[in-house]
Protein backbone atom coordinates (compact mmCIF):
# COMPACT_ATOMS: atom_id res chain seq x y z
CA MET A 1 103.76 -65.51 37.46
CA HIS A 2 101.62 -63.33 35.27
CA ASP A 3 101.47 -63.01 31.52
CA SER A 4 102.81 -59.95 29.77
CA LEU A 5 102.77 -58.58 26.27
CA GLN A 6 105.83 -56.90 24.80
CA LEU A 7 105.36 -54.13 22.27
CA GLU A 8 108.46 -53.12 20.35
CA VAL A 9 109.39 -50.09 18.32
CA HIS A 10 112.94 -49.84 17.03
CA ASP A 11 115.20 -47.36 15.29
CA ILE A 12 113.16 -44.18 15.54
CA GLU A 13 115.38 -41.26 14.61
CA VAL A 14 114.72 -37.97 16.33
CA ASN A 15 116.69 -34.75 16.77
CA VAL A 16 117.08 -33.71 20.42
CA LEU A 17 118.97 -30.95 22.19
CA THR A 18 121.42 -32.97 24.28
CA GLY A 19 125.08 -33.08 25.25
CA ILE A 20 127.65 -31.61 27.59
CA TYR A 21 130.28 -30.27 25.19
CA SER A 22 130.01 -26.79 23.73
CA GLU A 23 129.72 -28.12 20.18
CA GLU A 24 126.72 -30.23 21.28
CA THR A 25 124.71 -27.73 23.27
CA HIS A 26 123.42 -25.35 20.59
CA LEU A 27 122.06 -27.68 17.90
CA PRO A 28 119.81 -30.73 18.12
CA GLN A 29 121.60 -34.06 17.74
CA PRO A 30 120.26 -37.10 15.93
CA LEU A 31 119.39 -39.97 18.27
CA ARG A 32 118.21 -43.47 17.38
CA ILE A 33 115.65 -44.71 19.92
CA SER A 34 114.41 -48.27 20.37
CA MET A 35 112.12 -49.55 23.08
CA THR A 36 110.40 -52.63 24.39
CA VAL A 37 107.36 -52.03 26.59
CA ASP A 38 105.86 -54.75 28.80
CA LEU A 39 102.09 -54.50 29.26
CA ASP A 40 99.69 -56.45 31.40
CA CYS A 41 98.27 -59.05 29.08
CA PRO A 42 94.63 -60.10 28.86
CA GLU A 43 93.89 -63.78 29.22
CA ARG A 44 93.36 -64.28 25.47
CA PHE A 45 93.45 -62.44 22.18
CA THR A 46 90.70 -63.60 19.85
CA PRO A 47 90.20 -62.61 16.20
CA ASP A 48 87.79 -59.84 17.26
CA THR A 49 89.76 -58.49 20.24
CA PRO A 50 89.69 -54.66 20.06
CA LEU A 51 92.81 -52.50 20.08
CA SER A 52 91.88 -51.29 23.56
CA ALA A 53 92.99 -54.72 24.87
CA SER A 54 96.51 -53.87 23.77
CA LYS A 55 98.23 -50.57 23.01
CA SER A 56 98.88 -48.76 19.76
CA TYR A 57 102.46 -48.90 18.56
CA MET A 58 102.01 -45.26 17.62
CA ASP A 59 101.75 -44.40 21.33
CA LEU A 60 105.31 -45.65 21.74
CA LYS A 61 106.52 -43.74 18.71
CA GLU A 62 104.84 -40.54 19.93
CA ALA A 63 106.48 -40.92 23.36
CA ALA A 64 109.86 -40.87 21.61
CA THR A 65 109.02 -38.00 19.28
CA SER A 66 106.23 -35.56 20.03
CA SER A 67 106.34 -35.97 23.83
CA LEU A 68 109.87 -34.53 23.98
CA PRO A 69 109.52 -30.86 24.85
CA PRO A 70 110.82 -28.57 22.08
CA GLY A 71 113.64 -26.26 23.08
CA VAL A 72 114.54 -28.21 26.24
CA HIS A 73 118.20 -29.22 26.50
CA PHE A 74 118.85 -32.62 28.09
CA THR A 75 122.39 -32.69 29.48
CA LEU A 76 122.46 -36.50 29.33
CA ILE A 77 120.67 -38.90 27.03
CA GLU A 78 119.70 -40.73 30.22
CA GLY A 79 117.40 -37.76 30.86
CA VAL A 80 115.83 -38.25 27.43
CA ALA A 81 115.28 -41.93 28.27
CA ASP A 82 113.66 -41.12 31.62
CA HIS A 83 111.36 -38.55 30.02
CA ILE A 84 110.13 -41.12 27.49
CA VAL A 85 109.71 -43.78 30.20
CA ASP A 86 107.74 -41.36 32.40
CA THR A 87 105.51 -40.48 29.45
CA LEU A 88 104.72 -44.15 28.84
CA PHE A 89 104.05 -44.89 32.53
CA MET A 90 101.76 -41.87 32.89
CA SER A 91 99.85 -42.63 29.69
CA ASP A 92 98.81 -46.18 30.55
CA PRO A 93 98.63 -48.01 33.91
CA ARG A 94 99.09 -51.33 32.09
CA VAL A 95 102.70 -50.41 31.22
CA GLN A 96 104.78 -52.36 33.73
CA ARG A 97 108.31 -52.17 32.33
CA VAL A 98 110.12 -50.14 29.68
CA LYS A 99 113.47 -51.01 28.13
CA ILE A 100 114.82 -48.14 26.08
CA ARG A 101 117.99 -47.88 24.05
CA ILE A 102 119.32 -44.57 22.77
CA VAL A 103 122.22 -44.29 20.35
CA LYS A 104 123.95 -40.96 19.67
CA LEU A 105 124.40 -41.00 15.91
CA ALA A 106 126.56 -37.88 15.63
CA ILE A 107 129.50 -39.30 17.59
CA ALA A 108 129.90 -42.52 15.61
CA GLU A 109 133.07 -42.51 13.54
CA ALA A 110 132.91 -45.93 11.88
CA GLY A 111 129.27 -46.96 12.12
CA GLU A 112 129.48 -48.10 15.74
CA SER A 113 126.57 -47.69 18.16
CA ILE A 114 127.39 -45.50 21.15
CA GLY A 115 124.69 -44.90 23.73
CA VAL A 116 122.76 -46.24 26.70
CA THR A 117 120.17 -48.86 27.54
CA MET A 118 117.85 -48.22 30.49
CA VAL A 119 115.27 -50.54 32.05
CA ARG A 120 112.62 -49.08 34.37
CA HIS A 121 109.86 -50.93 36.20
CA ARG A 122 106.63 -49.40 37.43
CA ARG A 123 106.93 -48.75 41.16
């Protein structure tokens, strides 16, 4: 067994072109994105351990926001999830696993959460 560190960022809201129905395909839809990222963990974190021993939470947030290509339509939110996962894997070899949850806010009628959860492991 090896140690791992989980970084978490939850409830990021971002507008993304996604959907299969005609009313969904021309305007961005609000999505709520949450993720847990497993990193290789150093043996110890001491009071003076530098950030480079971990990963900035902002890297996760940026993967869910600014890494999404503007103007690109994702037919499925699963495609949005895979794009974010790929961004995280490419940005840091220490990322070993990503769990991402995406909720489509526009289709909720009574405050329910409708969406997907995907887990990908580095291959």
